Amino acid sequence: MPPHVDLVPRNRHDIGVAHYDIFAGEQLVGVIGQPVPFAQREVWSWALNTIMVDGSIGIPIKGYAHRLDGAKGDFRKAFDVWLGWAMAMPTWDLKRPHIDKNLKAMGVVETD
């Protein structure tokens, strides 16, 4: 079972829309935002990005939710699956050096 990693949102007040960069340690791991405020509805997008991922992870790495709490929950679930996938990546896989760099920036694995 992978370790728990705290996800810390940082509000981007400078871009004019509701937008949070999501960090795990020093690693930017994704975003949650309200790309276009819809009339009478709250719609939020979320995405894992800036970390190494491919189609073998087996889950969506981006999506939409009707509330901010829903987007945060969906993001958390996707990140936790990603973390388990990343920790289980074989050492011979060509993605492993990039994943190790991501994990080190998150404080999940020790630096050399």
PDB file of N, CA and C in Angstrom:
ATOM      1  N   MET A   1       0.854  -1.186   0.000  1.00  0.00           N
ATOM      2  CA  MET A   1       0.000   0.000   0.000  1.00  0.00           C
ATOM      3  C   MET A   1       0.895   1.243   0.000  1.00  0.00           C
ATOM      4  N   PRO A   2       0.639   2.170  -0.913  1.00  0.00           N
ATOM      5  CA  PRO A   2       1.478   3.367  -0.981  1.00  0.00           C
ATOM      6  C   PRO A   2       1.271   4.267   0.235  1.00  0.00           C
ATOM      7  N   PRO A   3       2.265   5.092   0.530  1.00  0.00           N
ATOM      8  CA  PRO A   3       2.134   6.007   1.668  1.00  0.00           C
ATOM      9  C   PRO A   3       1.102   7.095   1.384  1.00  0.00           C
ATOM     10  N   HIS A   4       0.592   7.713   2.450  1.00  0.00           N
ATOM     11  CA  HIS A   4      -0.294   8.861   2.265  1.00  0.00           C
ATOM     12  C   HIS A   4       0.560  10.082   1.944  1.00  0.00           C
ATOM     13  N   VAL A   5       0.141  10.848   0.970  1.00  0.00           N
ATOM     14  CA  VAL A   5       0.832  12.073   0.585  1.00  0.00           C
ATOM     15  C   VAL A   5      -0.172  13.219   0.694  1.00  0.00           C
ATOM     16  N   ASP A   6       0.193  14.238   1.451  1.00  0.00           N
ATOM     17  CA  ASP A   6      -0.683  15.405   1.570  1.00  0.00           C
ATOM     18  C   ASP A   6      -0.712  16.172   0.258  1.00  0.00           C
ATOM     19  N   LEU A   7      -1.913  16.566  -0.142  1.00  0.00           N
ATOM     20  CA  LEU A   7      -2.097  17.411  -1.321  1.00  0.00           C
ATOM     21  C   LEU A   7      -2.464  18.800  -0.846  1.00  0.00           C
ATOM     22  N   VAL A   8      -1.736  19.796  -1.317  1.00  0.00           N
ATOM     23  CA  VAL A   8      -1.918  21.166  -0.854  1.00  0.00           C
ATOM     24  C   VAL A   8      -2.337  22.050  -2.034  1.00  0.00           C
ATOM     25  N   PRO A   9      -3.561  22.617  -1.967  1.00  0.00           N
ATOM     26  CA  PRO A   9      -3.983  23.527  -3.032  1.00  0.00           C
ATOM     27  C   PRO A   9      -3.415  24.932  -2.807  1.00  0.00           C
ATOM     28  N   ARG A  10      -2.992  25.555  -3.883  1.00  0.00           N
ATOM     29  CA  ARG A  10      -2.546  26.947  -3.825  1.00  0.00           C
ATOM     30  C   ARG A  10      -3.398  27.739  -4.808  1.00  0.00           C
ATOM     31  N   ASN A  11      -4.152  28.674  -4.261  1.00  0.00           N
ATOM     32  CA  ASN A  11      -5.085  29.470  -5.054  1.00  0.00           C
ATOM     33  C   ASN A  11      -4.325  30.420  -5.964  1.00  0.00           C
ATOM     34  N   ARG A  12      -4.698  30.426  -7.229  1.00  0.00           N
ATOM     35  CA  ARG A  12      -4.100  31.331  -8.211  1.00  0.00           C
ATOM     36  C   ARG A  12      -5.029  32.526  -8.384  1.00  0.00           C
ATOM     37  N   HIS A  13      -4.870  33.533  -7.558  1.00  0.00           N
ATOM     38  CA  HIS A  13      -5.707  34.728  -7.619  1.00  0.00           C
ATOM     39  C   HIS A  13      -5.403  35.577  -8.847  1.00  0.00           C
ATOM     40  N   ASP A  14      -4.258  35.370  -9.456  1.00  0.00           N
ATOM     41  CA  ASP A  14      -3.784  36.252 -10.513  1.00  0.00           C
ATOM     42  C   ASP A  14      -4.384  35.982 -11.892  1.00  0.00           C
ATOM     43  N   ILE A  15      -5.192  34.942 -12.043  1.00  0.00           N
ATOM     44  CA  ILE A  15      -5.665  34.610 -13.393  1.00  0.00           C
ATOM     45  C   ILE A  15      -7.138  34.935 -13.626  1.00  0.00           C
ATOM     46  N   GLY A  16      -7.830  35.426 -12.634  1.00  0.00           N
ATOM     47  CA  GLY A  16      -9.187  35.918 -12.834  1.00  0.00           C
ATOM     48  C   GLY A  16     -10.310  34.901 -12.767  1.00  0.00           C
ATOM     49  N   VAL A  17      -9.985  33.619 -12.597  1.00  0.00           N
ATOM     50  CA  VAL A  17     -11.004  32.583 -12.412  1.00  0.00           C
ATOM     51  C   VAL A  17     -10.587  31.727 -11.221  1.00  0.00           C
ATOM     52  N   ALA A  18     -11.529  30.981 -10.673  1.00  0.00           N
ATOM     53  CA  ALA A  18     -11.213  30.090  -9.556  1.00  0.00           C
ATOM     54  C   ALA A  18     -10.293  28.982 -10.063  1.00  0.00           C
ATOM     55  N   HIS A  19      -9.080  28.916  -9.515  1.00  0.00           N
ATOM     56  CA  HIS A  19      -8.079  27.968  -9.999  1.00  0.00           C
ATOM     57  C   HIS A  19      -7.111  27.645  -8.874  1.00  0.00           C
ATOM     58  N   TYR A  20      -6.858  26.352  -8.676  1.00  0.00           N
ATOM     59  CA  TYR A  20      -5.921  25.904  -7.655  1.00  0.00           C
ATOM     60  C   TYR A  20      -4.862  25.018  -8.284  1.00  0.00           C
ATOM     61  N   ASP A  21      -3.601  25.350  -8.070  1.00  0.00           N
ATOM     62  CA  ASP A  21      -2.516  24.441  -8.388  1.00  0.00           C
ATOM     63  C   ASP A  21      -2.401  23.494  -7.200  1.00  0.00           C
ATOM     64  N   ILE A  22      -2.267  22.191  -7.469  1.00  0.00           N
ATOM     65  CA  ILE A  22      -2.220  21.195  -6.410  1.00  0.00           C
ATOM     66  C   ILE A  22      -0.791  20.653  -6.304  1.00  0.00           C
ATOM     67  N   PHE A  23      -0.234  20.761  -5.100  1.00  0.00           N
ATOM     68  CA  PHE A  23       1.126  20.325  -4.846  1.00  0.00           C
ATOM     69  C   PHE A  23       1.155  19.141  -3.898  1.00  0.00           C
ATOM     70  N   ALA A  24       2.107  18.249  -4.133  1.00  0.00           N
ATOM     71  CA  ALA A  24       2.471  17.177  -3.221  1.00  0.00           C
ATOM     72  C   ALA A  24       3.933  17.441  -2.889  1.00  0.00           C
ATOM     73  N   GLY A  25       4.206  17.923  -1.695  1.00  0.00           N
ATOM     74  CA  GLY A  25       5.555  18.369  -1.387  1.00  0.00           C
ATOM     75  C   GLY A  25       5.895  19.543  -2.295  1.00  0.00           C
ATOM     76  N   GLU A  26       7.027  19.453  -2.966  1.00  0.00           N
ATOM     77  CA  GLU A  26       7.440  20.514  -3.894  1.00  0.00           C
ATOM     78  C   GLU A  26       6.995  20.247  -5.328  1.00  0.00           C
ATOM     79  N   GLN A  27       6.340  19.122  -5.552  1.00  0.00           N
ATOM     80  CA  GLN A  27       5.944  18.717  -6.904  1.00  0.00           C
ATOM     81  C   GLN A  27       4.537  19.197  -7.234  1.00  0.00           C
ATOM     82  N   LEU A  28       4.417  19.996  -8.278  1.00  0.00           N
ATOM     83  CA  LEU A  28       3.104  20.334  -8.819  1.00  0.00           C
ATOM     84  C   LEU A  28       2.548  19.064  -9.457  1.00  0.00           C
ATOM     85  N   VAL A  29       1.365  18.627  -9.008  1.00  0.00           N
ATOM     86  CA  VAL A  29       0.807  17.369  -9.517  1.00  0.00           C
ATOM     87  C   VAL A  29      -0.461  17.557 -10.329  1.00  0.00           C
ATOM     88  N   GLY A  30      -1.060  18.757 -10.287  1.00  0.00           N
ATOM     89  CA  GLY A  30      -2.269  18.966 -11.068  1.00  0.00           C
ATOM     90  C   GLY A  30      -2.965  20.256 -10.743  1.00  0.00           C
ATOM     91  N   VAL A  31      -4.185  20.368 -11.263  1.00  0.00           N
ATOM     92  CA  VAL A  31      -4.980  21.580 -11.094  1.00  0.00           C
ATOM     93  C   VAL A  31      -6.437  21.230 -10.837  1.00  0.00           C
ATOM     94  N   ILE A  32      -7.098  22.120 -10.133  1.00  0.00           N
ATOM     95  CA  ILE A  32      -8.548  22.092  -9.987  1.00  0.00           C
ATOM     96  C   ILE A  32      -9.006  23.510 -10.276  1.00  0.00           C
ATOM     97  N   GLY A  33      -9.986  23.656 -11.131  1.00  0.00           N
ATOM     98  CA  GLY A  33     -10.426  25.000 -11.465  1.00  0.00           C
ATOM     99  C   GLY A  33     -11.828  25.041 -12.015  1.00  0.00           C
ATOM    100  N   GLN A  34     -12.308  26.249 -12.110  1.00  0.00           N
ATOM    101  CA  GLN A  34     -13.614  26.511 -12.692  1.00  0.00           C
ATOM    102  C   GLN A  34     -13.348  27.225 -14.011  1.00  0.00           C
ATOM    103  N   PRO A  35     -13.209  26.443 -15.101  1.00  0.00           N
ATOM    104  CA  PRO A  35     -12.760  27.042 -16.360  1.00  0.00           C
ATOM    105  C   PRO A  35     -13.682  28.136 -16.870  1.00  0.00           C
ATOM    106  N   VAL A  36     -14.973  27.891 -16.814  1.00  0.00           N
ATOM    107  CA  VAL A  36     -15.964  28.893 -17.215  1.00  0.00           C
ATOM    108  C   VAL A  36     -17.131  28.768 -16.258  1.00  0.00           C
ATOM    109  N   PRO A  37     -17.393  29.801 -15.475  1.00  0.00           N
ATOM    110  CA  PRO A  37     -18.554  29.713 -14.580  1.00  0.00           C
ATOM    111  C   PRO A  37     -19.852  29.592 -15.389  1.00  0.00           C
ATOM    112  N   PHE A  38     -20.599  28.540 -15.135  1.00  0.00           N
ATOM    113  CA  PHE A  38     -21.865  28.324 -15.821  1.00  0.00           C
ATOM    114  C   PHE A  38     -22.992  28.987 -15.032  1.00  0.00           C
ATOM    115  N   ALA A  39     -23.937  29.544 -15.738  1.00  0.00           N
ATOM    116  CA  ALA A  39     -25.082  30.173 -15.085  1.00  0.00           C
ATOM    117  C   ALA A  39     -25.869  29.130 -14.300  1.00  0.00           C
ATOM    118  N   GLN A  40     -26.130  29.403 -13.050  1.00  0.00           N
ATOM    119  CA  GLN A  40     -26.961  28.570 -12.183  1.00  0.00           C
ATOM    120  C   GLN A  40     -26.347  27.214 -11.855  1.00  0.00           C
ATOM    121  N   ARG A  41     -25.115  26.938 -12.295  1.00  0.00           N
ATOM    122  CA  ARG A  41     -24.487  25.643 -11.993  1.00  0.00           C
ATOM    123  C   ARG A  41     -23.031  25.845 -11.633  1.00  0.00           C
ATOM    124  N   GLU A  42     -22.591  25.018 -10.730  1.00  0.00           N
ATOM    125  CA  GLU A  42     -21.192  25.027 -10.337  1.00  0.00           C
ATOM    126  C   GLU A  42     -20.513  23.845 -11.024  1.00  0.00           C
ATOM    127  N   VAL A  43     -19.567  24.101 -11.902  1.00  0.00           N
ATOM    128  CA  VAL A  43     -18.847  23.043 -12.602  1.00  0.00           C
ATOM    129  C   VAL A  43     -17.352  23.277 -12.402  1.00  0.00           C
ATOM    130  N   TRP A  44     -16.667  22.232 -11.974  1.00  0.00           N
ATOM    131  CA  TRP A  44     -15.235  22.297 -11.713  1.00  0.00           C
ATOM    132  C   TRP A  44     -14.516  21.238 -12.540  1.00  0.00           C
ATOM    133  N   SER A  45     -13.364  21.578 -13.063  1.00  0.00           N
ATOM    134  CA  SER A  45     -12.530  20.602 -13.760  1.00  0.00           C
ATOM    135  C   SER A  45     -11.343  20.255 -12.866  1.00  0.00           C
ATOM    136  N   TRP A  46     -10.793  19.088 -13.074  1.00  0.00           N
ATOM    137  CA  TRP A  46      -9.600  18.668 -12.356  1.00  0.00           C
ATOM    138  C   TRP A  46      -8.737  17.848 -13.298  1.00  0.00           C
ATOM    139  N   ALA A  47      -7.439  17.860 -13.052  1.00  0.00           N
ATOM    140  CA  ALA A  47      -6.535  17.083 -13.900  1.00  0.00           C
ATOM    141  C   ALA A  47      -5.225  16.824 -13.174  1.00  0.00           C
ATOM    142  N   LEU A  48      -4.759  15.595 -13.284  1.00  0.00           N
ATOM    143  CA  LEU A  48      -3.384  15.291 -12.901  1.00  0.00           C
ATOM    144  C   LEU A  48      -2.529  15.709 -14.088  1.00  0.00           C
ATOM    145  N   ASN A  49      -1.518  16.492 -13.841  1.00  0.00           N
ATOM    146  CA  ASN A  49      -0.588  16.850 -14.904  1.00  0.00           C
ATOM    147  C   ASN A  49       0.754  17.199 -14.274  1.00  0.00           C
ATOM    148  N   THR A  50       1.750  17.389 -15.064  1.00  0.00           N
ATOM    149  CA  THR A  50       3.130  17.667 -14.649  1.00  0.00           C
ATOM    150  C   THR A  50       3.798  16.485 -13.967  1.00  0.00           C
ATOM    151  N   ILE A  51       3.146  15.329 -13.903  1.00  0.00           N
ATOM    152  CA  ILE A  51       3.765  14.105 -13.396  1.00  0.00           C
ATOM    153  C   ILE A  51       3.708  13.052 -14.486  1.00  0.00           C
ATOM    154  N   MET A  52       4.644  12.114 -14.441  1.00  0.00           N
ATOM    155  CA  MET A  52       4.715  11.065 -15.457  1.00  0.00           C
ATOM    156  C   MET A  52       3.541  10.113 -15.307  1.00  0.00           C
ATOM    157  N   VAL A  53       2.799   9.919 -16.395  1.00  0.00           N
ATOM    158  CA  VAL A  53       1.652   9.018 -16.404  1.00  0.00           C
ATOM    159  C   VAL A  53       1.472   8.479 -17.820  1.00  0.00           C
ATOM    160  N   ASP A  54       0.880   7.315 -17.939  1.00  0.00           N
ATOM    161  CA  ASP A  54       0.512   6.808 -19.258  1.00  0.00           C
ATOM    162  C   ASP A  54      -0.806   6.049 -19.153  1.00  0.00           C
ATOM    163  N   GLY A  55      -1.266   5.519 -20.255  1.00  0.00           N
ATOM    164  CA  GLY A  55      -2.566   4.856 -20.305  1.00  0.00           C
ATOM    165  C   GLY A  55      -2.663   3.609 -19.445  1.00  0.00           C
ATOM    166  N   SER A  56      -1.536   3.042 -19.031  1.00  0.00           N
ATOM    167  CA  SER A  56      -1.593   1.817 -18.238  1.00  0.00           C
ATOM    168  C   SER A  56      -2.049   2.056 -16.802  1.00  0.00           C
ATOM    169  N   ILE A  57      -2.196   3.315 -16.406  1.00  0.00           N
ATOM    170  CA  ILE A  57      -2.645   3.607 -15.042  1.00  0.00           C
ATOM    171  C   ILE A  57      -4.077   3.101 -14.836  1.00  0.00           C
ATOM    172  N   GLY A  58      -4.877   3.095 -15.909  1.00  0.00           N
ATOM    173  CA  GLY A  58      -6.190   2.469 -15.855  1.00  0.00           C
ATOM    174  C   GLY A  58      -7.332   3.304 -15.300  1.00  0.00           C
ATOM    175  N   ILE A  59      -7.117   4.577 -15.085  1.00  0.00           N
ATOM    176  CA  ILE A  59      -8.180   5.459 -14.585  1.00  0.00           C
ATOM    177  C   ILE A  59      -8.111   6.790 -15.327  1.00  0.00           C
ATOM    178  N   PRO A  60      -9.202   7.552 -15.296  1.00  0.00           N
ATOM    179  CA  PRO A  60      -9.134   8.897 -15.875  1.00  0.00           C
ATOM    180  C   PRO A  60      -8.163   9.768 -15.083  1.00  0.00           C
ATOM    181  N   ILE A  61      -7.416  10.612 -15.785  1.00  0.00           N
ATOM    182  CA  ILE A  61      -6.511  11.535 -15.109  1.00  0.00           C
ATOM    183  C   ILE A  61      -7.033  12.972 -15.186  1.00  0.00           C
ATOM    184  N   LYS A  62      -8.262  13.107 -15.692  1.00  0.00           N
ATOM    185  CA  LYS A  62      -8.917  14.417 -15.704  1.00  0.00           C
ATOM    186  C   LYS A  62     -10.418  14.196 -15.722  1.00  0.00           C
ATOM    187  N   GLY A  63     -11.158  15.227 -15.280  1.00  0.00           N
ATOM    188  CA  GLY A  63     -12.596  15.088 -15.276  1.00  0.00           C
ATOM    189  C   GLY A  63     -13.287  16.354 -14.799  1.00  0.00           C
ATOM    190  N   TYR A  64     -14.584  16.232 -14.602  1.00  0.00           N
ATOM    191  CA  TYR A  64     -15.427  17.347 -14.159  1.00  0.00           C
ATOM    192  C   TYR A  64     -16.265  16.906 -12.974  1.00  0.00           C
ATOM    193  N   ALA A  65     -16.601  17.860 -12.141  1.00  0.00           N
ATOM    194  CA  ALA A  65     -17.474  17.602 -10.996  1.00  0.00           C
ATOM    195  C   ALA A  65     -18.401  18.797 -10.823  1.00  0.00           C
ATOM    196  N   HIS A  66     -19.545  18.564 -10.179  1.00  0.00           N
ATOM    197  CA  HIS A  66     -20.536  19.628 -10.015  1.00  0.00           C
ATOM    198  C   HIS A  66     -20.250  20.536  -8.833  1.00  0.00           C
ATOM    199  N   ARG A  67     -19.311  20.142  -7.976  1.00  0.00           N
ATOM    200  CA  ARG A  67     -18.962  20.971  -6.816  1.00  0.00           C
ATOM    201  C   ARG A  67     -17.462  20.880  -6.587  1.00  0.00           C
ATOM    202  N   LEU A  68     -16.917  21.871  -5.925  1.00  0.00           N
ATOM    203  CA  LEU A  68     -15.492  21.872  -5.616  1.00  0.00           C
ATOM    204  C   LEU A  68     -15.114  20.651  -4.781  1.00  0.00           C
ATOM    205  N   ASP A  69     -15.924  20.298  -3.794  1.00  0.00           N
ATOM    206  CA  ASP A  69     -15.625  19.124  -2.969  1.00  0.00           C
ATOM    207  C   ASP A  69     -15.569  17.848  -3.813  1.00  0.00           C
ATOM    208  N   GLY A  70     -16.444  17.750  -4.795  1.00  0.00           N
ATOM    209  CA  GLY A  70     -16.431  16.596  -5.687  1.00  0.00           C
ATOM    210  C   GLY A  70     -15.167  16.540  -6.521  1.00  0.00           C
ATOM    211  N   ALA A  71     -14.723  17.691  -7.016  1.00  0.00           N
ATOM    212  CA  ALA A  71     -13.484  17.744  -7.801  1.00  0.00           C
ATOM    213  C   ALA A  71     -12.288  17.365  -6.937  1.00  0.00           C
ATOM    214  N   LYS A  72     -12.273  17.862  -5.689  1.00  0.00           N
ATOM    215  CA  LYS A  72     -11.178  17.509  -4.778  1.00  0.00           C
ATOM    216  C   LYS A  72     -11.163  16.011  -4.504  1.00  0.00           C
ATOM    217  N   GLY A  73     -12.337  15.419  -4.281  1.00  0.00           N
ATOM    218  CA  GLY A  73     -12.425  13.981  -4.016  1.00  0.00           C
ATOM    219  C   GLY A  73     -11.992  13.151  -5.210  1.00  0.00           C
ATOM    220  N   ASP A  74     -12.446  13.538  -6.405  1.00  0.00           N
ATOM    221  CA  ASP A  74     -12.057  12.814  -7.615  1.00  0.00           C
ATOM    222  C   ASP A  74     -10.556  12.933  -7.858  1.00  0.00           C
ATOM    223  N   PHE A  75     -10.014  14.127  -7.620  1.00  0.00           N
ATOM    224  CA  PHE A  75      -8.579  14.342  -7.782  1.00  0.00           C
ATOM    225  C   PHE A  75      -7.803  13.447  -6.816  1.00  0.00           C
ATOM    226  N   ARG A  76      -8.233  13.420  -5.555  1.00  0.00           N
ATOM    227  CA  ARG A  76      -7.563  12.605  -4.535  1.00  0.00           C
ATOM    228  C   ARG A  76      -7.541  11.134  -4.928  1.00  0.00           C
ATOM    229  N   LYS A  77      -8.697  10.618  -5.388  1.00  0.00           N
ATOM    230  CA  LYS A  77      -8.779   9.212  -5.801  1.00  0.00           C
ATOM    231  C   LYS A  77      -7.811   8.923  -6.949  1.00  0.00           C
ATOM    232  N   ALA A  78      -7.808   9.812  -7.956  1.00  0.00           N
ATOM    233  CA  ALA A  78      -6.920   9.620  -9.103  1.00  0.00           C
ATOM    234  C   ALA A  78      -5.456   9.687  -8.672  1.00  0.00           C
ATOM    235  N   PHE A  79      -5.140  10.632  -7.789  1.00  0.00           N
ATOM    236  CA  PHE A  79      -3.756  10.751  -7.327  1.00  0.00           C
ATOM    237  C   PHE A  79      -3.333   9.504  -6.561  1.00  0.00           C
ATOM    238  N   ASP A  80      -4.182   8.996  -5.690  1.00  0.00           N
ATOM    239  CA  ASP A  80      -3.834   7.802  -4.912  1.00  0.00           C
ATOM    240  C   ASP A  80      -3.603   6.590  -5.818  1.00  0.00           C
ATOM    241  N   VAL A  81      -4.421   6.443  -6.869  1.00  0.00           N
ATOM    242  CA  VAL A  81      -4.200   5.357  -7.826  1.00  0.00           C
ATOM    243  C   VAL A  81      -2.879   5.587  -8.549  1.00  0.00           C
ATOM    244  N   TRP A  82      -2.624   6.842  -8.957  1.00  0.00           N
ATOM    245  CA  TRP A  82      -1.351   7.157  -9.608  1.00  0.00           C
ATOM    246  C   TRP A  82      -0.180   6.789  -8.694  1.00  0.00           C
ATOM    247  N   LEU A  83      -0.256   7.146  -7.419  1.00  0.00           N
ATOM    248  CA  LEU A  83       0.835   6.886  -6.482  1.00  0.00           C
ATOM    249  C   LEU A  83       1.107   5.386  -6.367  1.00  0.00           C
ATOM    250  N   GLY A  84       0.062   4.584  -6.254  1.00  0.00           N
ATOM    251  CA  GLY A  84       0.248   3.134  -6.223  1.00  0.00           C
ATOM    252  C   GLY A  84       0.876   2.617  -7.503  1.00  0.00           C
ATOM    253  N   TRP A  85       0.432   3.144  -8.637  1.00  0.00           N
ATOM    254  CA  TRP A  85       0.978   2.778  -9.944  1.00  0.00           C
ATOM    255  C   TRP A  85       2.453   3.167 -10.024  1.00  0.00           C
ATOM    256  N   ALA A  86       2.772   4.380  -9.592  1.00  0.00           N
ATOM    257  CA  ALA A  86       4.150   4.875  -9.656  1.00  0.00           C
ATOM    258  C   ALA A  86       5.076   4.058  -8.751  1.00  0.00           C
ATOM    259  N   MET A  87       4.608   3.744  -7.551  1.00  0.00           N
ATOM    260  CA  MET A  87       5.441   2.992  -6.608  1.00  0.00           C
ATOM    261  C   MET A  87       5.684   1.558  -7.096  1.00  0.00           C
ATOM    262  N   ALA A  88       4.751   1.009  -7.879  1.00  0.00           N
ATOM    263  CA  ALA A  88       4.881  -0.363  -8.371  1.00  0.00           C
ATOM    264  C   ALA A  88       5.607  -0.451  -9.715  1.00  0.00           C
ATOM    265  N   MET A  89       5.987   0.693 -10.288  1.00  0.00           N
ATOM    266  CA  MET A  89       6.646   0.694 -11.601  1.00  0.00           C
ATOM    267  C   MET A  89       7.957  -0.088 -11.516  1.00  0.00           C
ATOM    268  N   PRO A  90       8.156  -1.057 -12.395  1.00  0.00           N
ATOM    269  CA  PRO A  90       9.398  -1.844 -12.359  1.00  0.00           C
ATOM    270  C   PRO A  90      10.629  -0.968 -12.622  1.00  0.00           C
ATOM    271  N   THR A  91      11.746  -1.341 -12.042  1.00  0.00           N
ATOM    272  CA  THR A  91      12.969  -0.553 -12.193  1.00  0.00           C
ATOM    273  C   THR A  91      13.464  -0.521 -13.632  1.00  0.00           C
ATOM    274  N   TRP A  92      13.110  -1.523 -14.431  1.00  0.00           N
ATOM    275  CA  TRP A  92      13.566  -1.578 -15.816  1.00  0.00           C
ATOM    276  C   TRP A  92      12.738  -0.715 -16.756  1.00  0.00           C
ATOM    277  N   ASP A  93      11.593  -0.236 -16.300  1.00  0.00           N
ATOM    278  CA  ASP A  93      10.720   0.567 -17.160  1.00  0.00           C
ATOM    279  C   ASP A  93      11.384   1.916 -17.464  1.00  0.00           C
ATOM    280  N   LEU A  94      11.333   2.325 -18.714  1.00  0.00           N
ATOM    281  CA  LEU A  94      11.975   3.579 -19.130  1.00  0.00           C
ATOM    282  C   LEU A  94      11.358   4.815 -18.484  1.00  0.00           C
ATOM    283  N   LYS A  95      10.138   4.693 -17.947  1.00  0.00           N
ATOM    284  CA  LYS A  95       9.500   5.823 -17.259  1.00  0.00           C
ATOM    285  C   LYS A  95      10.019   5.979 -15.830  1.00  0.00           C
ATOM    286  N   ARG A  96      10.663   4.952 -15.310  1.00  0.00           N
ATOM    287  CA  ARG A  96      11.058   4.933 -13.897  1.00  0.00           C
ATOM    288  C   ARG A  96      11.911   6.133 -13.467  1.00  0.00           C
ATOM    289  N   PRO A  97      12.907   6.575 -14.236  1.00  0.00           N
ATOM    290  CA  PRO A  97      13.682   7.743 -13.797  1.00  0.00           C
ATOM    291  C   PRO A  97      12.828   9.003 -13.636  1.00  0.00           C
ATOM    292  N   HIS A  98      11.864   9.203 -14.520  1.00  0.00           N
ATOM    293  CA  HIS A  98      10.965  10.364 -14.417  1.00  0.00           C
ATOM    294  C   HIS A  98      10.047  10.232 -13.199  1.00  0.00           C
ATOM    295  N   ILE A  99       9.529   9.041 -12.988  1.00  0.00           N
ATOM    296  CA  ILE A  99       8.660   8.796 -11.841  1.00  0.00           C
ATOM    297  C   ILE A  99       9.432   8.991 -10.537  1.00  0.00           C
ATOM    298  N   ASP A 100      10.665   8.469 -10.483  1.00  0.00           N
ATOM    299  CA  ASP A 100      11.486   8.657  -9.283  1.00  0.00           C
ATOM    300  C   ASP A 100      11.714  10.139  -8.996  1.00  0.00           C
ATOM    301  N   LYS A 101      11.924  10.921 -10.036  1.00  0.00           N
ATOM    302  CA  LYS A 101      12.099  12.370  -9.861  1.00  0.00           C
ATOM    303  C   LYS A 101      10.832  12.983  -9.255  1.00  0.00           C
ATOM    304  N   ASN A 102       9.657  12.582  -9.760  1.00  0.00           N
ATOM    305  CA  ASN A 102       8.385  13.057  -9.203  1.00  0.00           C
ATOM    306  C   ASN A 102       8.246  12.662  -7.736  1.00  0.00           C
ATOM    307  N   LEU A 103       8.513  11.398  -7.430  1.00  0.00           N
ATOM    308  CA  LEU A 103       8.364  10.892  -6.065  1.00  0.00           C
ATOM    309  C   LEU A 103       9.333  11.573  -5.098  1.00  0.00           C
ATOM    310  N   LYS A 104      10.536  11.852  -5.544  1.00  0.00           N
ATOM    311  CA  LYS A 104      11.514  12.540  -4.696  1.00  0.00           C
ATOM    312  C   LYS A 104      11.046  13.958  -4.376  1.00  0.00           C
ATOM    313  N   ALA A 105      10.498  14.653  -5.367  1.00  0.00           N
ATOM    314  CA  ALA A 105      10.008  16.016  -5.135  1.00  0.00           C
ATOM    315  C   ALA A 105       8.822  16.024  -4.185  1.00  0.00           C
ATOM    316  N   MET A 106       8.106  14.908  -4.110  1.00  0.00           N
ATOM    317  CA  MET A 106       6.976  14.785  -3.186  1.00  0.00           C
ATOM    318  C   MET A 106       7.421  14.369  -1.783  1.00  0.00           C
ATOM    319  N   GLY A 107       8.679  13.964  -1.655  1.00  0.00           N
ATOM    320  CA  GLY A 107       9.179  13.486  -0.378  1.00  0.00           C
ATOM    321  C   GLY A 107       8.802  12.048  -0.085  1.00  0.00           C
ATOM    322  N   VAL A 108       8.392  11.312  -1.118  1.00  0.00           N
ATOM    323  CA  VAL A 108       7.961   9.921  -0.945  1.00  0.00           C
ATOM    324  C   VAL A 108       9.155   8.978  -0.880  1.00  0.00           C
ATOM    325  N   VAL A 109      10.171   9.246  -1.680  1.00  0.00           N
ATOM    326  CA  VAL A 109      11.397   8.451  -1.655  1.00  0.00           C
ATOM    327  C   VAL A 109      12.558   9.370  -1.326  1.00  0.00           C
ATOM    328  N   GLU A 110      13.585   8.796  -0.751  1.00  0.00           N
ATOM    329  CA  GLU A 110      14.744   9.587  -0.357  1.00  0.00           C
ATOM    330  C   GLU A 110      15.538  10.023  -1.583  1.00  0.00           C
ATOM    331  N   THR A 111      16.168  11.180  -1.458  1.00  0.00           N
ATOM    332  CA  THR A 111      17.023  11.663  -2.529  1.00  0.00           C
ATOM    333  C   THR A 111      18.382  10.974  -2.447  1.00  0.00           C
ATOM    334  N   ASP A 112      19.061  10.882  -3.562  1.00  0.00           N
ATOM    335  CA  ASP A 112      20.385  10.233  -3.605  1.00  0.00           C
ATOM    336  C   ASP A 112      21.416  11.061  -2.878  1.00  0.00           C
TER     337      ASP A 112
END
